[in-house]
Amino acid sequence: MGTDATVNQVTVYWPSGIGT
């Protein structure tokens, strides 16, 4: 549980639409 948290926060930061 480390990268998952970061990826989760990033996804919340910018919704799936802008890209990666």
N, C-alpha and C. Protein backbone atom coordinates (compact mmCIF):
# COMPACT_ATOMS: atom_id res chain seq x y z
N MET A 1 0.85 -1.20 0.00
CA MET A 1 0.00 0.00 0.00
C MET A 1 0.88 1.25 0.00
N GLY A 2 1.13 1.75 -1.19
CA GLY A 2 2.00 2.93 -1.28
C GLY A 2 1.75 3.58 -2.63
N THR A 3 2.03 2.79 -3.67
CA THR A 3 1.79 3.29 -5.03
C THR A 3 0.29 3.39 -5.26
N ASP A 4 -0.46 2.44 -4.70
CA ASP A 4 -1.92 2.45 -4.86
C ASP A 4 -2.50 3.75 -4.34
N ALA A 5 -2.02 4.17 -3.19
CA ALA A 5 -2.54 5.40 -2.58
C ALA A 5 -2.23 6.58 -3.49
N THR A 6 -1.03 6.60 -4.05
CA THR A 6 -0.63 7.71 -4.92
C THR A 6 -1.49 7.71 -6.17
N VAL A 7 -1.65 6.55 -6.78
CA VAL A 7 -2.45 6.45 -8.01
C VAL A 7 -3.88 6.86 -7.72
N ASN A 8 -4.40 6.46 -6.56
CA ASN A 8 -5.77 6.80 -6.20
C ASN A 8 -5.91 8.31 -6.07
N GLN A 9 -4.96 8.94 -5.42
CA GLN A 9 -5.02 10.39 -5.23
C GLN A 9 -4.93 11.10 -6.57
N VAL A 10 -4.08 10.60 -7.44
CA VAL A 10 -3.91 11.21 -8.76
C VAL A 10 -5.21 11.12 -9.54
N THR A 11 -5.86 9.95 -9.46
CA THR A 11 -7.12 9.76 -10.18
C THR A 11 -8.17 10.73 -9.66
N VAL A 12 -8.16 10.96 -8.36
CA VAL A 12 -9.13 11.89 -7.77
C VAL A 12 -8.79 13.32 -8.16
N TYR A 13 -7.49 13.57 -8.31
CA TYR A 13 -7.04 14.91 -8.68
C TYR A 13 -7.57 15.28 -10.05
N TRP A 14 -7.34 14.41 -11.02
CA TRP A 14 -7.87 14.66 -12.36
C TRP A 14 -8.57 13.41 -12.85
N PRO A 15 -9.91 13.50 -13.03
CA PRO A 15 -10.74 12.37 -13.45
C PRO A 15 -10.28 11.76 -14.77
N SER A 16 -10.67 10.52 -14.99
CA SER A 16 -10.29 9.83 -16.22
C SER A 16 -10.93 10.51 -17.42
N GLY A 17 -10.13 11.30 -18.09
CA GLY A 17 -10.65 12.02 -19.25
C GLY A 17 -9.52 12.80 -19.88
N ILE A 18 -8.66 13.33 -19.02
CA ILE A 18 -7.51 14.09 -19.51
C ILE A 18 -6.48 13.12 -20.09
N GLY A 19 -6.38 11.94 -19.49
CA GLY A 19 -5.42 10.95 -19.97
C GLY A 19 -4.67 10.35 -18.79
N THR A 20 -3.37 10.15 -18.98
CA THR A 20 -2.58 9.53 -17.91
C THR A 20 -1.76 10.62 -17.25
